Amino acid sequence: MFGRKKVNVKKTEDNRLLDDISAVQSRANNMQKLVDNSLEVSDETRIKLKLEMVKYQFLYLEARRRSTKARETTNIIFSDEDTFLNQPSTAEKHW
């Protein structure tokens, strides 16, 4: 009204939700790598990892319920370390 721009609460909260999902996902991935690379893992670390995974699952399902659209595309299935879908270089094509 009167030329003022409306504040879109849903959009700002969706962006905050996506930021939270990204932060929890990176923490869970780091903890998972720590657990995978450790010889002896304490029960406390395993509990923290499970808690982070449950937080991520909850936030993900909340985003699905709200029909939130991601601002950017992330490759969740294939990480940067996976070479299955990488194209061979020209030297590798003609070996």
PDB file of N, CA and C in Angstrom:
ATOM      1  N   MET A   1       0.834  -1.163   0.000  1.00  0.00           N
ATOM      2  CA  MET A   1       0.000   0.000   0.000  1.00  0.00           C
ATOM      3  C   MET A   1       0.885   1.234   0.000  1.00  0.00           C
ATOM      4  N   PHE A   2       0.532   2.218  -0.769  1.00  0.00           N
ATOM      5  CA  PHE A   2       1.235   3.477  -0.893  1.00  0.00           C
ATOM      6  C   PHE A   2       2.679   3.295  -1.365  1.00  0.00           C
ATOM      7  N   GLY A   3       2.919   2.306  -2.236  1.00  0.00           N
ATOM      8  CA  GLY A   3       4.226   2.139  -2.849  1.00  0.00           C
ATOM      9  C   GLY A   3       5.273   1.459  -1.984  1.00  0.00           C
ATOM     10  N   ARG A   4       4.911   1.007  -0.797  1.00  0.00           N
ATOM     11  CA  ARG A   4       5.890   0.304   0.034  1.00  0.00           C
ATOM     12  C   ARG A   4       6.001  -1.142  -0.419  1.00  0.00           C
ATOM     13  N   LYS A   5       7.213  -1.638  -0.410  1.00  0.00           N
ATOM     14  CA  LYS A   5       7.439  -3.014  -0.818  1.00  0.00           C
ATOM     15  C   LYS A   5       7.042  -3.964   0.312  1.00  0.00           C
ATOM     16  N   LYS A   6       6.284  -5.001  -0.023  1.00  0.00           N
ATOM     17  CA  LYS A   6       5.843  -5.979   0.961  1.00  0.00           C
ATOM     18  C   LYS A   6       7.004  -6.878   1.361  1.00  0.00           C
ATOM     19  N   VAL A   7       7.041  -7.207   2.608  1.00  0.00           N
ATOM     20  CA  VAL A   7       8.034  -8.153   3.101  1.00  0.00           C
ATOM     21  C   VAL A   7       7.455  -9.549   2.940  1.00  0.00           C
ATOM     22  N   ASN A   8       8.169 -10.390   2.208  1.00  0.00           N
ATOM     23  CA  ASN A   8       7.702 -11.755   1.973  1.00  0.00           C
ATOM     24  C   ASN A   8       8.311 -12.664   3.040  1.00  0.00           C
ATOM     25  N   VAL A   9       7.539 -12.963   4.065  1.00  0.00           N
ATOM     26  CA  VAL A   9       8.019 -13.739   5.200  1.00  0.00           C
ATOM     27  C   VAL A   9       8.330 -15.165   4.791  1.00  0.00           C
ATOM     28  N   LYS A  10       7.486 -15.768   3.953  1.00  0.00           N
ATOM     29  CA  LYS A  10       7.715 -17.145   3.535  1.00  0.00           C
ATOM     30  C   LYS A  10       9.044 -17.275   2.815  1.00  0.00           C
ATOM     31  N   LYS A  11       9.346 -16.337   1.945  1.00  0.00           N
ATOM     32  CA  LYS A  11      10.580 -16.407   1.175  1.00  0.00           C
ATOM     33  C   LYS A  11      11.813 -16.260   2.083  1.00  0.00           C
ATOM     34  N   THR A  12      11.757 -15.344   3.038  1.00  0.00           N
ATOM     35  CA  THR A  12      12.893 -15.169   3.939  1.00  0.00           C
ATOM     36  C   THR A  12      13.082 -16.380   4.842  1.00  0.00           C
ATOM     37  N   GLU A  13      11.982 -16.956   5.313  1.00  0.00           N
ATOM     38  CA  GLU A  13      12.087 -18.143   6.165  1.00  0.00           C
ATOM     39  C   GLU A  13      12.546 -19.359   5.366  1.00  0.00           C
ATOM     40  N   ASP A  14      12.122 -19.469   4.104  1.00  0.00           N
ATOM     41  CA  ASP A  14      12.600 -20.556   3.255  1.00  0.00           C
ATOM     42  C   ASP A  14      14.106 -20.440   3.034  1.00  0.00           C
ATOM     43  N   ASN A  15      14.588 -19.229   2.822  1.00  0.00           N
ATOM     44  CA  ASN A  15      16.027 -19.028   2.649  1.00  0.00           C
ATOM     45  C   ASN A  15      16.785 -19.391   3.923  1.00  0.00           C
ATOM     46  N   ARG A  16      16.223 -19.032   5.069  1.00  0.00           N
ATOM     47  CA  ARG A  16      16.853 -19.382   6.341  1.00  0.00           C
ATOM     48  C   ARG A  16      16.858 -20.891   6.546  1.00  0.00           C
ATOM     49  N   LEU A  17      15.766 -21.549   6.168  1.00  0.00           N
ATOM     50  CA  LEU A  17      15.679 -22.999   6.270  1.00  0.00           C
ATOM     51  C   LEU A  17      16.724 -23.672   5.379  1.00  0.00           C
ATOM     52  N   LEU A  18      16.887 -23.173   4.160  1.00  0.00           N
ATOM     53  CA  LEU A  18      17.888 -23.729   3.247  1.00  0.00           C
ATOM     54  C   LEU A  18      19.305 -23.528   3.777  1.00  0.00           C
ATOM     55  N   ASP A  19      19.566 -22.379   4.402  1.00  0.00           N
ATOM     56  CA  ASP A  19      20.879 -22.143   5.006  1.00  0.00           C
ATOM     57  C   ASP A  19      21.134 -23.112   6.149  1.00  0.00           C
ATOM     58  N   ASP A  20      20.110 -23.343   6.966  1.00  0.00           N
ATOM     59  CA  ASP A  20      20.240 -24.289   8.080  1.00  0.00           C
ATOM     60  C   ASP A  20      20.484 -25.707   7.569  1.00  0.00           C
ATOM     61  N   ILE A  21      19.779 -26.092   6.510  1.00  0.00           N
ATOM     62  CA  ILE A  21      19.963 -27.422   5.923  1.00  0.00           C
ATOM     63  C   ILE A  21      21.389 -27.580   5.424  1.00  0.00           C
ATOM     64  N   SER A  22      21.895 -26.570   4.763  1.00  0.00           N
ATOM     65  CA  SER A  22      23.259 -26.627   4.237  1.00  0.00           C
ATOM     66  C   SER A  22      24.282 -26.752   5.363  1.00  0.00           C
ATOM     67  N   ALA A  23      24.096 -25.995   6.437  1.00  0.00           N
ATOM     68  CA  ALA A  23      25.038 -26.032   7.562  1.00  0.00           C
ATOM     69  C   ALA A  23      25.015 -27.395   8.250  1.00  0.00           C
ATOM     70  N   VAL A  24      23.825 -27.925   8.490  1.00  0.00           N
ATOM     71  CA  VAL A  24      23.705 -29.224   9.164  1.00  0.00           C
ATOM     72  C   VAL A  24      24.258 -30.328   8.270  1.00  0.00           C
ATOM     73  N   GLN A  25      24.024 -30.230   6.977  1.00  0.00           N
ATOM     74  CA  GLN A  25      24.523 -31.239   6.055  1.00  0.00           C
ATOM     75  C   GLN A  25      26.054 -31.255   6.032  1.00  0.00           C
ATOM     76  N   SER A  26      26.676 -30.091   6.017  1.00  0.00           N
ATOM     77  CA  SER A  26      28.142 -30.053   6.000  1.00  0.00           C
ATOM     78  C   SER A  26      28.713 -30.573   7.320  1.00  0.00           C
ATOM     79  N   ARG A  27      28.070 -30.231   8.457  1.00  0.00           N
ATOM     80  CA  ARG A  27      28.534 -30.763   9.744  1.00  0.00           C
ATOM     81  C   ARG A  27      28.406 -32.279   9.790  1.00  0.00           C
ATOM     82  N   ALA A  28      27.298 -32.808   9.287  1.00  0.00           N
ATOM     83  CA  ALA A  28      27.088 -34.259   9.290  1.00  0.00           C
ATOM     84  C   ALA A  28      28.098 -34.953   8.381  1.00  0.00           C
ATOM     85  N   ASN A  29      28.383 -34.361   7.229  1.00  0.00           N
ATOM     86  CA  ASN A  29      29.375 -34.950   6.326  1.00  0.00           C
ATOM     87  C   ASN A  29      30.765 -34.950   6.954  1.00  0.00           C
ATOM     88  N   ASN A  30      31.122 -33.853   7.623  1.00  0.00           N
ATOM     89  CA  ASN A  30      32.433 -33.791   8.281  1.00  0.00           C
ATOM     90  C   ASN A  30      32.538 -34.822   9.396  1.00  0.00           C
ATOM     91  N   MET A  31      31.475 -34.963  10.194  1.00  0.00           N
ATOM     92  CA  MET A  31      31.484 -35.959  11.261  1.00  0.00           C
ATOM     93  C   MET A  31      31.564 -37.375  10.702  1.00  0.00           C
ATOM     94  N   GLN A  32      30.859 -37.615   9.600  1.00  0.00           N
ATOM     95  CA  GLN A  32      30.888 -38.944   8.982  1.00  0.00           C
ATOM     96  C   GLN A  32      32.288 -39.273   8.487  1.00  0.00           C
ATOM     97  N   LYS A  33      32.962 -38.303   7.888  1.00  0.00           N
ATOM     98  CA  LYS A  33      34.342 -38.526   7.450  1.00  0.00           C
ATOM     99  C   LYS A  33      35.256 -38.786   8.635  1.00  0.00           C
ATOM    100  N   LEU A  34      35.038 -38.073   9.742  1.00  0.00           N
ATOM    101  CA  LEU A  34      35.824 -38.278  10.951  1.00  0.00           C
ATOM    102  C   LEU A  34      35.624 -39.688  11.489  1.00  0.00           C
ATOM    103  N   VAL A  35      34.388 -40.141  11.521  1.00  0.00           N
ATOM    104  CA  VAL A  35      34.094 -41.484  12.017  1.00  0.00           C
ATOM    105  C   VAL A  35      34.690 -42.537  11.092  1.00  0.00           C
ATOM    106  N   ASP A  36      34.599 -42.320   9.793  1.00  0.00           N
ATOM    107  CA  ASP A  36      35.131 -43.284   8.831  1.00  0.00           C
ATOM    108  C   ASP A  36      36.656 -43.408   8.925  1.00  0.00           C
ATOM    109  N   ASN A  37      37.321 -42.296   9.216  1.00  0.00           N
ATOM    110  CA  ASN A  37      38.781 -42.297   9.236  1.00  0.00           C
ATOM    111  C   ASN A  37      39.376 -42.589  10.607  1.00  0.00           C
ATOM    112  N   SER A  38      38.567 -42.710  11.625  1.00  0.00           N
ATOM    113  CA  SER A  38      39.063 -42.948  12.978  1.00  0.00           C
ATOM    114  C   SER A  38      39.107 -44.446  13.277  1.00  0.00           C
ATOM    115  N   LEU A  39      40.101 -44.815  14.079  1.00  0.00           N
ATOM    116  CA  LEU A  39      40.188 -46.210  14.495  1.00  0.00           C
ATOM    117  C   LEU A  39      39.240 -46.501  15.647  1.00  0.00           C
ATOM    118  N   GLU A  40      39.282 -45.657  16.657  1.00  0.00           N
ATOM    119  CA  GLU A  40      38.399 -45.819  17.803  1.00  0.00           C
ATOM    120  C   GLU A  40      37.520 -44.586  17.922  1.00  0.00           C
ATOM    121  N   VAL A  41      36.235 -44.798  17.803  1.00  0.00           N
ATOM    122  CA  VAL A  41      35.286 -43.694  17.862  1.00  0.00           C
ATOM    123  C   VAL A  41      34.507 -43.801  19.160  1.00  0.00           C
ATOM    124  N   SER A  42      34.448 -42.698  19.883  1.00  0.00           N
ATOM    125  CA  SER A  42      33.728 -42.712  21.160  1.00  0.00           C
ATOM    126  C   SER A  42      32.218 -42.751  20.920  1.00  0.00           C
ATOM    127  N   ASP A  43      31.516 -43.191  21.930  1.00  0.00           N
ATOM    128  CA  ASP A  43      30.059 -43.257  21.841  1.00  0.00           C
ATOM    129  C   ASP A  43      29.468 -41.856  21.709  1.00  0.00           C
ATOM    130  N   GLU A  44      30.102 -40.893  22.348  1.00  0.00           N
ATOM    131  CA  GLU A  44      29.622 -39.508  22.263  1.00  0.00           C
ATOM    132  C   GLU A  44      29.654 -38.993  20.834  1.00  0.00           C
ATOM    133  N   THR A  45      30.726 -39.327  20.108  1.00  0.00           N
ATOM    134  CA  THR A  45      30.837 -38.899  18.709  1.00  0.00           C
ATOM    135  C   THR A  45      29.777 -39.573  17.850  1.00  0.00           C
ATOM    136  N   ARG A  46      29.543 -40.852  18.091  1.00  0.00           N
ATOM    137  CA  ARG A  46      28.502 -41.563  17.330  1.00  0.00           C
ATOM    138  C   ARG A  46      27.115 -40.974  17.606  1.00  0.00           C
ATOM    139  N   ILE A  47      26.866 -40.614  18.847  1.00  0.00           N
ATOM    140  CA  ILE A  47      25.576 -40.013  19.198  1.00  0.00           C
ATOM    141  C   ILE A  47      25.418 -38.654  18.534  1.00  0.00           C
ATOM    142  N   LYS A  48      26.497 -37.858  18.525  1.00  0.00           N
ATOM    143  CA  LYS A  48      26.446 -36.552  17.867  1.00  0.00           C
ATOM    144  C   LYS A  48      26.197 -36.691  16.369  1.00  0.00           C
ATOM    145  N   LEU A  49      26.814 -37.704  15.760  1.00  0.00           N
ATOM    146  CA  LEU A  49      26.599 -37.948  14.333  1.00  0.00           C
ATOM    147  C   LEU A  49      25.146 -38.321  14.059  1.00  0.00           C
ATOM    148  N   LYS A  50      24.594 -39.200  14.863  1.00  0.00           N
ATOM    149  CA  LYS A  50      23.181 -39.580  14.688  1.00  0.00           C
ATOM    150  C   LYS A  50      22.263 -38.380  14.877  1.00  0.00           C
ATOM    151  N   LEU A  51      22.590 -37.533  15.857  1.00  0.00           N
ATOM    152  CA  LEU A  51      21.793 -36.341  16.111  1.00  0.00           C
ATOM    153  C   LEU A  51      21.829 -35.394  14.913  1.00  0.00           C
ATOM    154  N   GLU A  52      23.008 -35.190  14.330  1.00  0.00           N
ATOM    155  CA  GLU A  52      23.122 -34.327  13.146  1.00  0.00           C
ATOM    156  C   GLU A  52      22.338 -34.902  11.975  1.00  0.00           C
ATOM    157  N   MET A  53      22.367 -36.215  11.815  1.00  0.00           N
ATOM    158  CA  MET A  53      21.617 -36.840  10.719  1.00  0.00           C
ATOM    159  C   MET A  53      20.113 -36.699  10.929  1.00  0.00           C
ATOM    160  N   VAL A  54      19.659 -36.808  12.174  1.00  0.00           N
ATOM    161  CA  VAL A  54      18.232 -36.644  12.468  1.00  0.00           C
ATOM    162  C   VAL A  54      17.819 -35.189  12.244  1.00  0.00           C
ATOM    163  N   LYS A  55      18.681 -34.234  12.636  1.00  0.00           N
ATOM    164  CA  LYS A  55      18.395 -32.819  12.387  1.00  0.00           C
ATOM    165  C   LYS A  55      18.263 -32.554  10.884  1.00  0.00           C
ATOM    166  N   TYR A  56      19.204 -33.123  10.108  1.00  0.00           N
ATOM    167  CA  TYR A  56      19.165 -32.935   8.658  1.00  0.00           C
ATOM    168  C   TYR A  56      17.890 -33.527   8.083  1.00  0.00           C
ATOM    169  N   GLN A  57      17.517 -34.712   8.523  1.00  0.00           N
ATOM    170  CA  GLN A  57      16.299 -35.355   8.016  1.00  0.00           C
ATOM    171  C   GLN A  57      15.065 -34.525   8.343  1.00  0.00           C
ATOM    172  N   PHE A  58      15.006 -34.004   9.558  1.00  0.00           N
ATOM    173  CA  PHE A  58      13.872 -33.183   9.958  1.00  0.00           C
ATOM    174  C   PHE A  58      13.780 -31.915   9.107  1.00  0.00           C
ATOM    175  N   LEU A  59      14.908 -31.218   8.953  1.00  0.00           N
ATOM    176  CA  LEU A  59      14.902 -29.980   8.163  1.00  0.00           C
ATOM    177  C   LEU A  59      14.570 -30.262   6.698  1.00  0.00           C
ATOM    178  N   TYR A  60      15.085 -31.370   6.171  1.00  0.00           N
ATOM    179  CA  TYR A  60      14.800 -31.737   4.789  1.00  0.00           C
ATOM    180  C   TYR A  60      13.311 -32.002   4.592  1.00  0.00           C
ATOM    181  N   LEU A  61      12.708 -32.750   5.513  1.00  0.00           N
ATOM    182  CA  LEU A  61      11.280 -33.035   5.396  1.00  0.00           C
ATOM    183  C   LEU A  61      10.436 -31.771   5.576  1.00  0.00           C
ATOM    184  N   GLU A  62      10.899 -30.862   6.426  1.00  0.00           N
ATOM    185  CA  GLU A  62      10.202 -29.577   6.594  1.00  0.00           C
ATOM    186  C   GLU A  62      10.257 -28.763   5.304  1.00  0.00           C
ATOM    187  N   ALA A  63      11.403 -28.775   4.641  1.00  0.00           N
ATOM    188  CA  ALA A  63      11.525 -28.063   3.365  1.00  0.00           C
ATOM    189  C   ALA A  63      10.629 -28.696   2.306  1.00  0.00           C
ATOM    190  N   ARG A  64      10.538 -30.016   2.310  1.00  0.00           N
ATOM    191  CA  ARG A  64       9.644 -30.689   1.362  1.00  0.00           C
ATOM    192  C   ARG A  64       8.192 -30.332   1.639  1.00  0.00           C
ATOM    193  N   ARG A  65       7.820 -30.290   2.923  1.00  0.00           N
ATOM    194  CA  ARG A  65       6.440 -29.965   3.297  1.00  0.00           C
ATOM    195  C   ARG A  65       6.085 -28.552   2.875  1.00  0.00           C
ATOM    196  N   ARG A  66       7.041 -27.640   2.986  1.00  0.00           N
ATOM    197  CA  ARG A  66       6.807 -26.242   2.626  1.00  0.00           C
ATOM    198  C   ARG A  66       6.955 -25.988   1.125  1.00  0.00           C
ATOM    199  N   SER A  67       7.344 -27.009   0.362  1.00  0.00           N
ATOM    200  CA  SER A  67       7.594 -26.889  -1.083  1.00  0.00           C
ATOM    201  C   SER A  67       8.639 -25.805  -1.362  1.00  0.00           C
ATOM    202  N   THR A  68       9.707 -25.867  -0.617  1.00  0.00           N
ATOM    203  CA  THR A  68      10.787 -24.900  -0.763  1.00  0.00           C
ATOM    204  C   THR A  68      11.614 -25.234  -1.984  1.00  0.00           C
ATOM    205  N   LYS A  69      11.952 -24.229  -2.747  1.00  0.00           N
ATOM    206  CA  LYS A  69      12.794 -24.395  -3.930  1.00  0.00           C
ATOM    207  C   LYS A  69      14.208 -23.943  -3.598  1.00  0.00           C
ATOM    208  N   ALA A  70      15.180 -24.719  -4.028  1.00  0.00           N
ATOM    209  CA  ALA A  70      16.582 -24.393  -3.760  1.00  0.00           C
ATOM    210  C   ALA A  70      17.023 -23.237  -4.646  1.00  0.00           C
ATOM    211  N   ARG A  71      17.879 -22.398  -4.088  1.00  0.00           N
ATOM    212  CA  ARG A  71      18.423 -21.277  -4.849  1.00  0.00           C
ATOM    213  C   ARG A  71      19.477 -21.746  -5.825  1.00  0.00           C
ATOM    214  N   GLU A  72      20.200 -22.789  -5.445  1.00  0.00           N
ATOM    215  CA  GLU A  72      21.256 -23.331  -6.291  1.00  0.00           C
ATOM    216  C   GLU A  72      21.154 -24.841  -6.279  1.00  0.00           C
ATOM    217  N   THR A  73      21.692 -25.458  -7.289  1.00  0.00           N
ATOM    218  CA  THR A  73      21.631 -26.901  -7.397  1.00  0.00           C
ATOM    219  C   THR A  73      22.885 -27.498  -6.784  1.00  0.00           C
ATOM    220  N   THR A  74      22.690 -28.496  -5.938  1.00  0.00           N
ATOM    221  CA  THR A  74      23.824 -29.207  -5.366  1.00  0.00           C
ATOM    222  C   THR A  74      23.752 -30.651  -5.808  1.00  0.00           C
ATOM    223  N   ASN A  75      24.898 -31.264  -5.918  1.00  0.00           N
ATOM    224  CA  ASN A  75      24.966 -32.647  -6.336  1.00  0.00           C
ATOM    225  C   ASN A  75      25.097 -33.514  -5.102  1.00  0.00           C
ATOM    226  N   ILE A  76      23.971 -33.981  -4.571  1.00  0.00           N
ATOM    227  CA  ILE A  76      23.973 -34.750  -3.338  1.00  0.00           C
ATOM    228  C   ILE A  76      24.344 -36.203  -3.609  1.00  0.00           C
ATOM    229  N   ILE A  77      23.883 -36.751  -4.715  1.00  0.00           N
ATOM    230  CA  ILE A  77      24.109 -38.160  -4.994  1.00  0.00           C
ATOM    231  C   ILE A  77      25.566 -38.425  -5.326  1.00  0.00           C
ATOM    232  N   PHE A  78      26.142 -37.624  -6.212  1.00  0.00           N
ATOM    233  CA  PHE A  78      27.526 -37.802  -6.612  1.00  0.00           C
ATOM    234  C   PHE A  78      28.341 -36.645  -6.073  1.00  0.00           C
ATOM    235  N   SER A  79      29.275 -36.937  -5.193  1.00  0.00           N
ATOM    236  CA  SER A  79      30.106 -35.876  -4.635  1.00  0.00           C
ATOM    237  C   SER A  79      31.224 -35.539  -5.609  1.00  0.00           C
ATOM    238  N   ASP A  80      32.064 -34.583  -5.246  1.00  0.00           N
ATOM    239  CA  ASP A  80      33.168 -34.170  -6.098  1.00  0.00           C
ATOM    240  C   ASP A  80      34.199 -35.277  -6.269  1.00  0.00           C
ATOM    241  N   GLU A  81      34.255 -36.198  -5.320  1.00  0.00           N
ATOM    242  CA  GLU A  81      35.243 -37.257  -5.363  1.00  0.00           C
ATOM    243  C   GLU A  81      34.856 -38.372  -6.329  1.00  0.00           C
ATOM    244  N   ASP A  82      33.590 -38.470  -6.691  1.00  0.00           N
ATOM    245  CA  ASP A  82      33.148 -39.531  -7.593  1.00  0.00           C
ATOM    246  C   ASP A  82      33.607 -39.233  -9.010  1.00  0.00           C
ATOM    247  N   THR A  83      34.157 -40.243  -9.661  1.00  0.00           N
ATOM    248  CA  THR A  83      34.661 -40.065 -11.022  1.00  0.00           C
ATOM    249  C   THR A  83      33.838 -40.832 -12.035  1.00  0.00           C
ATOM    250  N   PHE A  84      32.719 -41.384 -11.607  1.00  0.00           N
ATOM    251  CA  PHE A  84      31.906 -42.203 -12.495  1.00  0.00           C
ATOM    252  C   PHE A  84      31.384 -41.398 -13.683  1.00  0.00           C
ATOM    253  N   LEU A  85      30.925 -40.166 -13.428  1.00  0.00           N
ATOM    254  CA  LEU A  85      30.330 -39.373 -14.496  1.00  0.00           C
ATOM    255  C   LEU A  85      31.310 -38.410 -15.164  1.00  0.00           C
ATOM    256  N   ASN A  86      32.558 -38.380 -14.726  1.00  0.00           N
ATOM    257  CA  ASN A  86      33.533 -37.476 -15.340  1.00  0.00           C
ATOM    258  C   ASN A  86      33.862 -37.942 -16.748  1.00  0.00           C
ATOM    259  N   GLN A  87      33.997 -36.997 -17.636  1.00  0.00           N
ATOM    260  CA  GLN A  87      34.351 -37.300 -19.014  1.00  0.00           C
ATOM    261  C   GLN A  87      35.857 -37.532 -19.109  1.00  0.00           C
ATOM    262  N   PRO A  88      36.298 -38.503 -19.897  1.00  0.00           N
ATOM    263  CA  PRO A  88      37.735 -38.728 -20.033  1.00  0.00           C
ATOM    264  C   PRO A  88      38.378 -37.594 -20.828  1.00  0.00           C
ATOM    265  N   SER A  89      39.630 -37.329 -20.524  1.00  0.00           N
ATOM    266  CA  SER A  89      40.348 -36.292 -21.270  1.00  0.00           C
ATOM    267  C   SER A  89      40.698 -36.824 -22.649  1.00  0.00           C
ATOM    268  N   THR A  90      41.193 -35.958 -23.517  1.00  0.00           N
ATOM    269  CA  THR A  90      41.524 -36.384 -24.888  1.00  0.00           C
ATOM    270  C   THR A  90      42.651 -37.400 -24.875  1.00  0.00           C
ATOM    271  N   ALA A  91      43.581 -37.300 -23.930  1.00  0.00           N
ATOM    272  CA  ALA A  91      44.686 -38.268 -23.850  1.00  0.00           C
ATOM    273  C   ALA A  91      44.152 -39.643 -23.446  1.00  0.00           C
ATOM    274  N   GLU A  92      43.161 -39.689 -22.588  1.00  0.00           N
ATOM    275  CA  GLU A  92      42.607 -40.966 -22.145  1.00  0.00           C
ATOM    276  C   GLU A  92      41.728 -41.607 -23.198  1.00  0.00           C
ATOM    277  N   LYS A  93      41.151 -40.805 -24.096  1.00  0.00           N
ATOM    278  CA  LYS A  93      40.302 -41.359 -25.147  1.00  0.00           C
ATOM    279  C   LYS A  93      41.101 -42.165 -26.157  1.00  0.00           C
ATOM    280  N   HIS A  94      42.321 -41.744 -26.408  1.00  0.00           N
ATOM    281  CA  HIS A  94      43.139 -42.366 -27.478  1.00  0.00           C
ATOM    282  C   HIS A  94      44.353 -43.076 -26.912  1.00  0.00           C
ATOM    283  N   TRP A  95      44.186 -43.921 -25.966  1.00  0.00           N
ATOM    284  CA  TRP A  95      45.306 -44.633 -25.363  1.00  0.00           C
ATOM    285  C   TRP A  95      45.606 -45.798 -26.182  1.00  0.00           C
TER     286      TRP A  95
END
